Amino acid sequence: MWRIGARHACVGYIQTLANYYNGGYAPLVSDNVFGPKTDRVVRWIQGRWGLKQDGIVGPQTWLLLCSTQMMEERYPWRVPSFFSISAARGAGCPGADKMYY
């Protein structure tokens, strides 16, 4: 689980994947630091999709962040970008290893 104060490559994947959900609102820089801005965006995403707004990226929030990647895989007319695939693979999203450009 990841939360405010964490510093790790997985936080960078969280930041990259979160940018697909926040619609450009407060875009995050993938700097591998789970700071206040990342916390706000994670809480916003959690609330938007009916999860507990605790700012913790645990199993449910990981699944949500990965689901955008799975949607792109299921609907090929939405071609995913290099970063979305790389982030999904790095984050360990299910099925990400089968994605292609």
PDB file of N, CA and C in Angstrom:
ATOM      1  N   MET A   1       0.839  -1.172   0.000  1.00  0.00           N
ATOM      2  CA  MET A   1       0.000   0.000   0.000  1.00  0.00           C
ATOM      3  C   MET A   1       0.892   1.246   0.000  1.00  0.00           C
ATOM      4  N   TRP A   2       0.399   2.253  -0.720  1.00  0.00           N
ATOM      5  CA  TRP A   2       1.161   3.487  -0.859  1.00  0.00           C
ATOM      6  C   TRP A   2       0.331   4.658  -0.352  1.00  0.00           C
ATOM      7  N   ARG A   3       0.995   5.578   0.319  1.00  0.00           N
ATOM      8  CA  ARG A   3       0.309   6.744   0.890  1.00  0.00           C
ATOM      9  C   ARG A   3       1.266   7.911   0.957  1.00  0.00           C
ATOM     10  N   ILE A   4       0.736   9.035   1.418  1.00  0.00           N
ATOM     11  CA  ILE A   4       1.530  10.262   1.509  1.00  0.00           C
ATOM     12  C   ILE A   4       2.829   9.993   2.280  1.00  0.00           C
ATOM     13  N   GLY A   5       3.916  10.521   1.756  1.00  0.00           N
ATOM     14  CA  GLY A   5       5.229  10.335   2.356  1.00  0.00           C
ATOM     15  C   GLY A   5       6.053   9.250   1.686  1.00  0.00           C
ATOM     16  N   ALA A   6       5.391   8.374   0.903  1.00  0.00           N
ATOM     17  CA  ALA A   6       6.116   7.285   0.240  1.00  0.00           C
ATOM     18  C   ALA A   6       6.971   7.822  -0.910  1.00  0.00           C
ATOM     19  N   ARG A   7       8.115   7.160  -1.092  1.00  0.00           N
ATOM     20  CA  ARG A   7       9.027   7.491  -2.198  1.00  0.00           C
ATOM     21  C   ARG A   7       9.464   6.177  -2.827  1.00  0.00           C
ATOM     22  N   HIS A   8       9.017   5.951  -4.068  1.00  0.00           N
ATOM     23  CA  HIS A   8       9.320   4.685  -4.728  1.00  0.00           C
ATOM     24  C   HIS A   8       8.897   4.775  -6.190  1.00  0.00           C
ATOM     25  N   ALA A   9       9.482   3.931  -7.025  1.00  0.00           N
ATOM     26  CA  ALA A   9       9.099   3.894  -8.437  1.00  0.00           C
ATOM     27  C   ALA A   9       7.608   3.587  -8.602  1.00  0.00           C
ATOM     28  N   CYS A  10       7.035   2.788  -7.712  1.00  0.00           N
ATOM     29  CA  CYS A  10       5.599   2.482  -7.801  1.00  0.00           C
ATOM     30  C   CYS A  10       4.760   3.745  -7.656  1.00  0.00           C
ATOM     31  N   VAL A  11       5.222   4.710  -6.892  1.00  0.00           N
ATOM     32  CA  VAL A  11       4.500   5.968  -6.754  1.00  0.00           C
ATOM     33  C   VAL A  11       4.477   6.688  -8.102  1.00  0.00           C
ATOM     34  N   GLY A  12       5.565   6.605  -8.842  1.00  0.00           N
ATOM     35  CA  GLY A  12       5.592   7.191 -10.191  1.00  0.00           C
ATOM     36  C   GLY A  12       4.569   6.541 -11.102  1.00  0.00           C
ATOM     37  N   TYR A  13       4.391   5.227 -10.984  1.00  0.00           N
ATOM     38  CA  TYR A  13       3.369   4.535 -11.779  1.00  0.00           C
ATOM     39  C   TYR A  13       1.977   4.986 -11.353  1.00  0.00           C
ATOM     40  N   ILE A  14       1.773   5.153 -10.072  1.00  0.00           N
ATOM     41  CA  ILE A  14       0.488   5.661  -9.566  1.00  0.00           C
ATOM     42  C   ILE A  14       0.217   7.031 -10.185  1.00  0.00           C
ATOM     43  N   GLN A  15       1.213   7.887 -10.174  1.00  0.00           N
ATOM     44  CA  GLN A  15       1.047   9.238 -10.703  1.00  0.00           C
ATOM     45  C   GLN A  15       0.724   9.212 -12.196  1.00  0.00           C
ATOM     46  N   THR A  16       1.423   8.382 -12.946  1.00  0.00           N
ATOM     47  CA  THR A  16       1.177   8.287 -14.382  1.00  0.00           C
ATOM     48  C   THR A  16      -0.219   7.753 -14.666  1.00  0.00           C
ATOM     49  N   LEU A  17      -0.608   6.678 -13.987  1.00  0.00           N
ATOM     50  CA  LEU A  17      -1.937   6.098 -14.205  1.00  0.00           C
ATOM     51  C   LEU A  17      -3.034   7.054 -13.740  1.00  0.00           C
ATOM     52  N   ALA A  18      -2.804   7.759 -12.643  1.00  0.00           N
ATOM     53  CA  ALA A  18      -3.811   8.687 -12.123  1.00  0.00           C
ATOM     54  C   ALA A  18      -4.105   9.807 -13.112  1.00  0.00           C
ATOM     55  N   ASN A  19      -3.130  10.194 -13.901  1.00  0.00           N
ATOM     56  CA  ASN A  19      -3.349  11.262 -14.878  1.00  0.00           C
ATOM     57  C   ASN A  19      -4.385  10.877 -15.930  1.00  0.00           C
ATOM     58  N   TYR A  20      -4.643   9.600 -16.125  1.00  0.00           N
ATOM     59  CA  TYR A  20      -5.667   9.169 -17.073  1.00  0.00           C
ATOM     60  C   TYR A  20      -7.061   9.365 -16.508  1.00  0.00           C
ATOM     61  N   TYR A  21      -7.175   9.466 -15.203  1.00  0.00           N
ATOM     62  CA  TYR A  21      -8.467   9.632 -14.556  1.00  0.00           C
ATOM     63  C   TYR A  21      -8.795  11.068 -14.217  1.00  0.00           C
ATOM     64  N   ASN A  22      -7.783  11.880 -13.979  1.00  0.00           N
ATOM     65  CA  ASN A  22      -8.093  13.211 -13.472  1.00  0.00           C
ATOM     66  C   ASN A  22      -8.411  14.208 -14.577  1.00  0.00           C
ATOM     67  N   GLY A  23      -8.450  13.754 -15.829  1.00  0.00           N
ATOM     68  CA  GLY A  23      -8.903  14.591 -16.937  1.00  0.00           C
ATOM     69  C   GLY A  23      -8.127  15.889 -17.089  1.00  0.00           C
ATOM     70  N   GLY A  24      -6.863  15.870 -16.744  1.00  0.00           N
ATOM     71  CA  GLY A  24      -6.048  17.066 -16.859  1.00  0.00           C
ATOM     72  C   GLY A  24      -6.145  17.978 -15.651  1.00  0.00           C
ATOM     73  N   TYR A  25      -7.080  17.666 -14.733  1.00  0.00           N
ATOM     74  CA  TYR A  25      -7.195  18.465 -13.512  1.00  0.00           C
ATOM     75  C   TYR A  25      -6.002  18.146 -12.627  1.00  0.00           C
ATOM     76  N   ALA A  26      -5.251  19.139 -12.279  1.00  0.00           N
ATOM     77  CA  ALA A  26      -4.078  18.966 -11.428  1.00  0.00           C
ATOM     78  C   ALA A  26      -3.205  17.817 -11.906  1.00  0.00           C
ATOM     79  N   PRO A  27      -2.710  17.877 -13.163  1.00  0.00           N
ATOM     80  CA  PRO A  27      -1.875  16.776 -13.643  1.00  0.00           C
ATOM     81  C   PRO A  27      -0.656  16.567 -12.745  1.00  0.00           C
ATOM     82  N   LEU A  28      -0.347  15.303 -12.544  1.00  0.00           N
ATOM     83  CA  LEU A  28       0.768  14.945 -11.676  1.00  0.00           C
ATOM     84  C   LEU A  28       2.038  14.732 -12.478  1.00  0.00           C
ATOM     85  N   VAL A  29       3.147  15.121 -11.912  1.00  0.00           N
ATOM     86  CA  VAL A  29       4.462  14.817 -12.474  1.00  0.00           C
ATOM     87  C   VAL A  29       4.894  13.505 -11.835  1.00  0.00           C
ATOM     88  N   SER A  30       5.369  12.583 -12.653  1.00  0.00           N
ATOM     89  CA  SER A  30       5.821  11.285 -12.122  1.00  0.00           C
ATOM     90  C   SER A  30       7.207  11.447 -11.522  1.00  0.00           C
ATOM     91  N   ASP A  31       7.233  11.867 -10.256  1.00  0.00           N
ATOM     92  CA  ASP A  31       8.501  12.110  -9.593  1.00  0.00           C
ATOM     93  C   ASP A  31       8.807  11.081  -8.500  1.00  0.00           C
ATOM     94  N   ASN A  32       7.957  10.045  -8.393  1.00  0.00           N
ATOM     95  CA  ASN A  32       8.141   8.952  -7.425  1.00  0.00           C
ATOM     96  C   ASN A  32       7.974   9.386  -5.974  1.00  0.00           C
ATOM     97  N   VAL A  33       7.384  10.558  -5.746  1.00  0.00           N
ATOM     98  CA  VAL A  33       7.170  11.063  -4.391  1.00  0.00           C
ATOM     99  C   VAL A  33       5.673  11.248  -4.169  1.00  0.00           C
ATOM    100  N   PHE A  34       5.126  10.580  -3.174  1.00  0.00           N
ATOM    101  CA  PHE A  34       3.699  10.655  -2.851  1.00  0.00           C
ATOM    102  C   PHE A  34       3.504  11.844  -1.906  1.00  0.00           C
ATOM    103  N   GLY A  35       3.357  13.015  -2.524  1.00  0.00           N
ATOM    104  CA  GLY A  35       3.192  14.237  -1.746  1.00  0.00           C
ATOM    105  C   GLY A  35       1.739  14.667  -1.665  1.00  0.00           C
ATOM    106  N   PRO A  36       1.502  15.890  -1.179  1.00  0.00           N
ATOM    107  CA  PRO A  36       0.139  16.388  -1.006  1.00  0.00           C
ATOM    108  C   PRO A  36      -0.677  16.426  -2.304  1.00  0.00           C
ATOM    109  N   LYS A  37      -0.062  16.782  -3.417  1.00  0.00           N
ATOM    110  CA  LYS A  37      -0.791  16.852  -4.683  1.00  0.00           C
ATOM    111  C   LYS A  37      -1.228  15.454  -5.127  1.00  0.00           C
ATOM    112  N   THR A  38      -0.343  14.479  -4.998  1.00  0.00           N
ATOM    113  CA  THR A  38      -0.700  13.096  -5.339  1.00  0.00           C
ATOM    114  C   THR A  38      -1.807  12.615  -4.417  1.00  0.00           C
ATOM    115  N   ASP A  39      -1.710  12.946  -3.141  1.00  0.00           N
ATOM    116  CA  ASP A  39      -2.742  12.563  -2.180  1.00  0.00           C
ATOM    117  C   ASP A  39      -4.096  13.135  -2.587  1.00  0.00           C
ATOM    118  N   ARG A  40      -4.135  14.424  -2.959  1.00  0.00           N
ATOM    119  CA  ARG A  40      -5.402  15.058  -3.365  1.00  0.00           C
ATOM    120  C   ARG A  40      -5.996  14.378  -4.591  1.00  0.00           C
ATOM    121  N   VAL A  41      -5.160  14.088  -5.576  1.00  0.00           N
ATOM    122  CA  VAL A  41      -5.657  13.458  -6.801  1.00  0.00           C
ATOM    123  C   VAL A  41      -6.148  12.039  -6.517  1.00  0.00           C
ATOM    124  N   VAL A  42      -5.409  11.279  -5.716  1.00  0.00           N
ATOM    125  CA  VAL A  42      -5.835   9.915  -5.363  1.00  0.00           C
ATOM    126  C   VAL A  42      -7.171   9.965  -4.633  1.00  0.00           C
ATOM    127  N   ARG A  43      -7.324  10.877  -3.687  1.00  0.00           N
ATOM    128  CA  ARG A  43      -8.594  11.001  -2.961  1.00  0.00           C
ATOM    129  C   ARG A  43      -9.733  11.393  -3.902  1.00  0.00           C
ATOM    130  N   TRP A  44      -9.448  12.296  -4.844  1.00  0.00           N
ATOM    131  CA  TRP A  44     -10.470  12.708  -5.808  1.00  0.00           C
ATOM    132  C   TRP A  44     -10.909  11.515  -6.659  1.00  0.00           C
ATOM    133  N   ILE A  45      -9.947  10.753  -7.146  1.00  0.00           N
ATOM    134  CA  ILE A  45     -10.251   9.569  -7.956  1.00  0.00           C
ATOM    135  C   ILE A  45     -11.053   8.561  -7.134  1.00  0.00           C
ATOM    136  N   GLN A  46     -10.626   8.323  -5.917  1.00  0.00           N
ATOM    137  CA  GLN A  46     -11.345   7.374  -5.058  1.00  0.00           C
ATOM    138  C   GLN A  46     -12.802   7.815  -4.867  1.00  0.00           C
ATOM    139  N   GLY A  47     -13.017   9.080  -4.596  1.00  0.00           N
ATOM    140  CA  GLY A  47     -14.372   9.589  -4.401  1.00  0.00           C
ATOM    141  C   GLY A  47     -15.198   9.525  -5.671  1.00  0.00           C
ATOM    142  N   ARG A  48     -14.565   9.846  -6.784  1.00  0.00           N
ATOM    143  CA  ARG A  48     -15.251   9.838  -8.092  1.00  0.00           C
ATOM    144  C   ARG A  48     -15.773   8.452  -8.433  1.00  0.00           C
ATOM    145  N   TRP A  49     -15.047   7.420  -8.006  1.00  0.00           N
ATOM    146  CA  TRP A  49     -15.407   6.051  -8.363  1.00  0.00           C
ATOM    147  C   TRP A  49     -15.964   5.265  -7.181  1.00  0.00           C
ATOM    148  N   GLY A  50     -16.383   5.965  -6.119  1.00  0.00           N
ATOM    149  CA  GLY A  50     -17.099   5.324  -5.029  1.00  0.00           C
ATOM    150  C   GLY A  50     -16.255   4.540  -4.041  1.00  0.00           C
ATOM    151  N   LEU A  51     -14.964   4.796  -4.010  1.00  0.00           N
ATOM    152  CA  LEU A  51     -14.109   4.138  -3.022  1.00  0.00           C
ATOM    153  C   LEU A  51     -13.962   5.043  -1.803  1.00  0.00           C
ATOM    154  N   LYS A  52     -13.523   4.455  -0.711  1.00  0.00           N
ATOM    155  CA  LYS A  52     -13.243   5.233   0.496  1.00  0.00           C
ATOM    156  C   LYS A  52     -12.126   6.224   0.181  1.00  0.00           C
ATOM    157  N   GLN A  53     -12.347   7.493   0.481  1.00  0.00           N
ATOM    158  CA  GLN A  53     -11.381   8.539   0.170  1.00  0.00           C
ATOM    159  C   GLN A  53     -10.360   8.666   1.285  1.00  0.00           C
ATOM    160  N   ASP A  54      -9.440   7.705   1.322  1.00  0.00           N
ATOM    161  CA  ASP A  54      -8.429   7.703   2.378  1.00  0.00           C
ATOM    162  C   ASP A  54      -7.040   8.084   1.874  1.00  0.00           C
ATOM    163  N   GLY A  55      -6.883   8.244   0.558  1.00  0.00           N
ATOM    164  CA  GLY A  55      -5.590   8.614   0.000  1.00  0.00           C
ATOM    165  C   GLY A  55      -4.580   7.483  -0.022  1.00  0.00           C
ATOM    166  N   ILE A  56      -5.011   6.291   0.329  1.00  0.00           N
ATOM    167  CA  ILE A  56      -4.128   5.126   0.341  1.00  0.00           C
ATOM    168  C   ILE A  56      -4.359   4.313  -0.921  1.00  0.00           C
ATOM    169  N   VAL A  57      -3.283   4.031  -1.627  1.00  0.00           N
ATOM    170  CA  VAL A  57      -3.389   3.197  -2.822  1.00  0.00           C
ATOM    171  C   VAL A  57      -3.133   1.759  -2.395  1.00  0.00           C
ATOM    172  N   GLY A  58      -4.234   1.088  -2.058  1.00  0.00           N
ATOM    173  CA  GLY A  58      -4.228  -0.321  -1.699  1.00  0.00           C
ATOM    174  C   GLY A  58      -4.829  -1.127  -2.841  1.00  0.00           C
ATOM    175  N   PRO A  59      -5.232  -2.365  -2.591  1.00  0.00           N
ATOM    176  CA  PRO A  59      -5.729  -3.241  -3.654  1.00  0.00           C
ATOM    177  C   PRO A  59      -6.882  -2.664  -4.479  1.00  0.00           C
ATOM    178  N   GLN A  60      -7.875  -2.036  -3.842  1.00  0.00           N
ATOM    179  CA  GLN A  60      -9.014  -1.520  -4.603  1.00  0.00           C
ATOM    180  C   GLN A  60      -8.620  -0.354  -5.495  1.00  0.00           C
ATOM    181  N   THR A  61      -7.798   0.543  -4.966  1.00  0.00           N
ATOM    182  CA  THR A  61      -7.381   1.691  -5.769  1.00  0.00           C
ATOM    183  C   THR A  61      -6.436   1.258  -6.879  1.00  0.00           C
ATOM    184  N   TRP A  62      -5.552   0.279  -6.614  1.00  0.00           N
ATOM    185  CA  TRP A  62      -4.685  -0.255  -7.670  1.00  0.00           C
ATOM    186  C   TRP A  62      -5.543  -0.836  -8.797  1.00  0.00           C
ATOM    187  N   LEU A  63      -6.560  -1.609  -8.423  1.00  0.00           N
ATOM    188  CA  LEU A  63      -7.432  -2.205  -9.437  1.00  0.00           C
ATOM    189  C   LEU A  63      -8.102  -1.121 -10.267  1.00  0.00           C
ATOM    190  N   LEU A  64      -8.568  -0.069  -9.624  1.00  0.00           N
ATOM    191  CA  LEU A  64      -9.184   1.037 -10.342  1.00  0.00           C
ATOM    192  C   LEU A  64      -8.184   1.697 -11.280  1.00  0.00           C
ATOM    193  N   LEU A  65      -6.983   1.985 -10.796  1.00  0.00           N
ATOM    194  CA  LEU A  65      -5.975   2.621 -11.637  1.00  0.00           C
ATOM    195  C   LEU A  65      -5.593   1.734 -12.820  1.00  0.00           C
ATOM    196  N   CYS A  66      -5.586   0.435 -12.605  1.00  0.00           N
ATOM    197  CA  CYS A  66      -5.261  -0.495 -13.688  1.00  0.00           C
ATOM    198  C   CYS A  66      -6.413  -0.638 -14.676  1.00  0.00           C
ATOM    199  N   SER A  67      -7.648  -0.392 -14.237  1.00  0.00           N
ATOM    200  CA  SER A  67      -8.789  -0.659 -15.102  1.00  0.00           C
ATOM    201  C   SER A  67      -8.807   0.224 -16.334  1.00  0.00           C
ATOM    202  N   THR A  68      -8.263   1.445 -16.251  1.00  0.00           N
ATOM    203  CA  THR A  68      -8.219   2.275 -17.453  1.00  0.00           C
ATOM    204  C   THR A  68      -7.354   1.614 -18.518  1.00  0.00           C
ATOM    205  N   GLN A  69      -6.309   0.925 -18.080  1.00  0.00           N
ATOM    206  CA  GLN A  69      -5.448   0.237 -19.030  1.00  0.00           C
ATOM    207  C   GLN A  69      -6.192  -0.940 -19.660  1.00  0.00           C
ATOM    208  N   MET A  70      -7.000  -1.614 -18.871  1.00  0.00           N
ATOM    209  CA  MET A  70      -7.756  -2.744 -19.393  1.00  0.00           C
ATOM    210  C   MET A  70      -8.830  -2.264 -20.362  1.00  0.00           C
ATOM    211  N   MET A  71      -9.422  -1.107 -20.106  1.00  0.00           N
ATOM    212  CA  MET A  71     -10.412  -0.553 -21.033  1.00  0.00           C
ATOM    213  C   MET A  71      -9.764  -0.279 -22.377  1.00  0.00           C
ATOM    214  N   GLU A  72      -8.558   0.258 -22.358  1.00  0.00           N
ATOM    215  CA  GLU A  72      -7.870   0.547 -23.613  1.00  0.00           C
ATOM    216  C   GLU A  72      -7.565  -0.739 -24.364  1.00  0.00           C
ATOM    217  N   GLU A  73      -7.270  -1.805 -23.623  1.00  0.00           N
ATOM    218  CA  GLU A  73      -6.987  -3.080 -24.272  1.00  0.00           C
ATOM    219  C   GLU A  73      -8.259  -3.653 -24.903  1.00  0.00           C
ATOM    220  N   ARG A  74      -9.385  -3.508 -24.227  1.00  0.00           N
ATOM    221  CA  ARG A  74     -10.647  -4.062 -24.725  1.00  0.00           C
ATOM    222  C   ARG A  74     -11.208  -3.272 -25.899  1.00  0.00           C
ATOM    223  N   TYR A  75     -10.907  -1.989 -25.949  1.00  0.00           N
ATOM    224  CA  TYR A  75     -11.436  -1.132 -27.013  1.00  0.00           C
ATOM    225  C   TYR A  75     -10.267  -0.586 -27.824  1.00  0.00           C
ATOM    226  N   PRO A  76      -9.799  -1.353 -28.808  1.00  0.00           N
ATOM    227  CA  PRO A  76      -8.559  -1.007 -29.514  1.00  0.00           C
ATOM    228  C   PRO A  76      -8.597   0.291 -30.304  1.00  0.00           C
ATOM    229  N   TRP A  77      -9.772   0.870 -30.523  1.00  0.00           N
ATOM    230  CA  TRP A  77      -9.782   2.145 -31.239  1.00  0.00           C
ATOM    231  C   TRP A  77      -9.213   3.256 -30.361  1.00  0.00           C
ATOM    232  N   ARG A  78      -9.103   2.988 -29.073  1.00  0.00           N
ATOM    233  CA  ARG A  78      -8.413   3.909 -28.168  1.00  0.00           C
ATOM    234  C   ARG A  78      -6.985   3.404 -28.003  1.00  0.00           C
ATOM    235  N   VAL A  79      -6.100   3.869 -28.825  1.00  0.00           N
ATOM    236  CA  VAL A  79      -4.727   3.378 -28.798  1.00  0.00           C
ATOM    237  C   VAL A  79      -4.012   3.942 -27.571  1.00  0.00           C
ATOM    238  N   PRO A  80      -3.546   3.073 -26.687  1.00  0.00           N
ATOM    239  CA  PRO A  80      -2.853   3.572 -25.496  1.00  0.00           C
ATOM    240  C   PRO A  80      -1.484   4.137 -25.854  1.00  0.00           C
ATOM    241  N   SER A  81      -1.059   5.096 -25.060  1.00  0.00           N
ATOM    242  CA  SER A  81       0.252   5.691 -25.288  1.00  0.00           C
ATOM    243  C   SER A  81       1.341   4.797 -24.703  1.00  0.00           C
ATOM    244  N   PHE A  82       2.564   5.063 -25.078  1.00  0.00           N
ATOM    245  CA  PHE A  82       3.700   4.313 -24.568  1.00  0.00           C
ATOM    246  C   PHE A  82       3.746   4.373 -23.046  1.00  0.00           C
ATOM    247  N   PHE A  83       3.521   5.557 -22.479  1.00  0.00           N
ATOM    248  CA  PHE A  83       3.600   5.686 -21.032  1.00  0.00           C
ATOM    249  C   PHE A  83       2.502   4.909 -20.326  1.00  0.00           C
ATOM    250  N   SER A  84       1.309   4.868 -20.890  1.00  0.00           N
ATOM    251  CA  SER A  84       0.245   4.136 -20.203  1.00  0.00           C
ATOM    252  C   SER A  84       0.576   2.654 -20.139  1.00  0.00           C
ATOM    253  N   ILE A  85       1.123   2.099 -21.200  1.00  0.00           N
ATOM    254  CA  ILE A  85       1.490   0.687 -21.195  1.00  0.00           C
ATOM    255  C   ILE A  85       2.669   0.462 -20.255  1.00  0.00           C
ATOM    256  N   SER A  86       3.661   1.316 -20.332  1.00  0.00           N
ATOM    257  CA  SER A  86       4.826   1.168 -19.465  1.00  0.00           C
ATOM    258  C   SER A  86       4.429   1.271 -17.996  1.00  0.00           C
ATOM    259  N   ALA A  87       3.558   2.230 -17.687  1.00  0.00           N
ATOM    260  CA  ALA A  87       3.117   2.388 -16.297  1.00  0.00           C
ATOM    261  C   ALA A  87       2.318   1.178 -15.854  1.00  0.00           C
ATOM    262  N   ALA A  88       1.446   0.682 -16.715  1.00  0.00           N
ATOM    263  CA  ALA A  88       0.636  -0.487 -16.355  1.00  0.00           C
ATOM    264  C   ALA A  88       1.521  -1.700 -16.125  1.00  0.00           C
ATOM    265  N   ARG A  89       2.512  -1.883 -16.986  1.00  0.00           N
ATOM    266  CA  ARG A  89       3.438  -3.008 -16.801  1.00  0.00           C
ATOM    267  C   ARG A  89       4.246  -2.833 -15.526  1.00  0.00           C
ATOM    268  N   GLY A  90       4.769  -1.646 -15.324  1.00  0.00           N
ATOM    269  CA  GLY A  90       5.574  -1.389 -14.132  1.00  0.00           C
ATOM    270  C   GLY A  90       4.776  -1.533 -12.850  1.00  0.00           C
ATOM    271  N   ALA A  91       3.507  -1.164 -12.910  1.00  0.00           N
ATOM    272  CA  ALA A  91       2.647  -1.247 -11.740  1.00  0.00           C
ATOM    273  C   ALA A  91       2.155  -2.663 -11.493  1.00  0.00           C
ATOM    274  N   GLY A  92       2.368  -3.549 -12.470  1.00  0.00           N
ATOM    275  CA  GLY A  92       1.921  -4.931 -12.307  1.00  0.00           C
ATOM    276  C   GLY A  92       0.440  -5.118 -12.573  1.00  0.00           C
ATOM    277  N   CYS A  93      -0.147  -4.228 -13.386  1.00  0.00           N
ATOM    278  CA  CYS A  93      -1.568  -4.357 -13.715  1.00  0.00           C
ATOM    279  C   CYS A  93      -1.824  -5.675 -14.426  1.00  0.00           C
ATOM    280  N   PRO A  94      -2.904  -6.383 -14.052  1.00  0.00           N
ATOM    281  CA  PRO A  94      -3.204  -7.660 -14.694  1.00  0.00           C
ATOM    282  C   PRO A  94      -3.406  -7.470 -16.194  1.00  0.00           C
ATOM    283  N   GLY A  95      -2.771  -8.325 -16.972  1.00  0.00           N
ATOM    284  CA  GLY A  95      -2.921  -8.283 -18.425  1.00  0.00           C
ATOM    285  C   GLY A  95      -2.035  -7.278 -19.125  1.00  0.00           C
ATOM    286  N   ALA A  96      -1.313  -6.455 -18.385  1.00  0.00           N
ATOM    287  CA  ALA A  96      -0.478  -5.416 -19.001  1.00  0.00           C
ATOM    288  C   ALA A  96       0.636  -6.023 -19.838  1.00  0.00           C
ATOM    289  N   ASP A  97       1.087  -7.203 -19.465  1.00  0.00           N
ATOM    290  CA  ASP A  97       2.160  -7.847 -20.221  1.00  0.00           C
ATOM    291  C   ASP A  97       1.687  -8.261 -21.618  1.00  0.00           C
ATOM    292  N   LYS A  98       0.378  -8.307 -21.848  1.00  0.00           N
ATOM    293  CA  LYS A  98      -0.154  -8.684 -23.167  1.00  0.00           C
ATOM    294  C   LYS A  98      -0.494  -7.491 -24.020  1.00  0.00           C
ATOM    295  N   MET A  99      -0.309  -6.284 -23.478  1.00  0.00           N
ATOM    296  CA  MET A  99      -0.633  -5.063 -24.240  1.00  0.00           C
ATOM    297  C   MET A  99       0.433  -4.815 -25.287  1.00  0.00           C
ATOM    298  N   TYR A 100       0.017  -4.152 -26.325  1.00  0.00           N
ATOM    299  CA  TYR A 100       0.932  -3.778 -27.393  1.00  0.00           C
ATOM    300  C   TYR A 100       0.616  -2.352 -27.821  1.00  0.00           C
ATOM    301  N   TYR A 101       1.535  -1.779 -28.598  1.00  0.00           N
ATOM    302  CA  TYR A 101       1.374  -0.380 -29.029  1.00  0.00           C
ATOM    303  C   TYR A 101       0.544  -0.292 -30.261  1.00  0.00           C
TER     304      TYR A 101
END
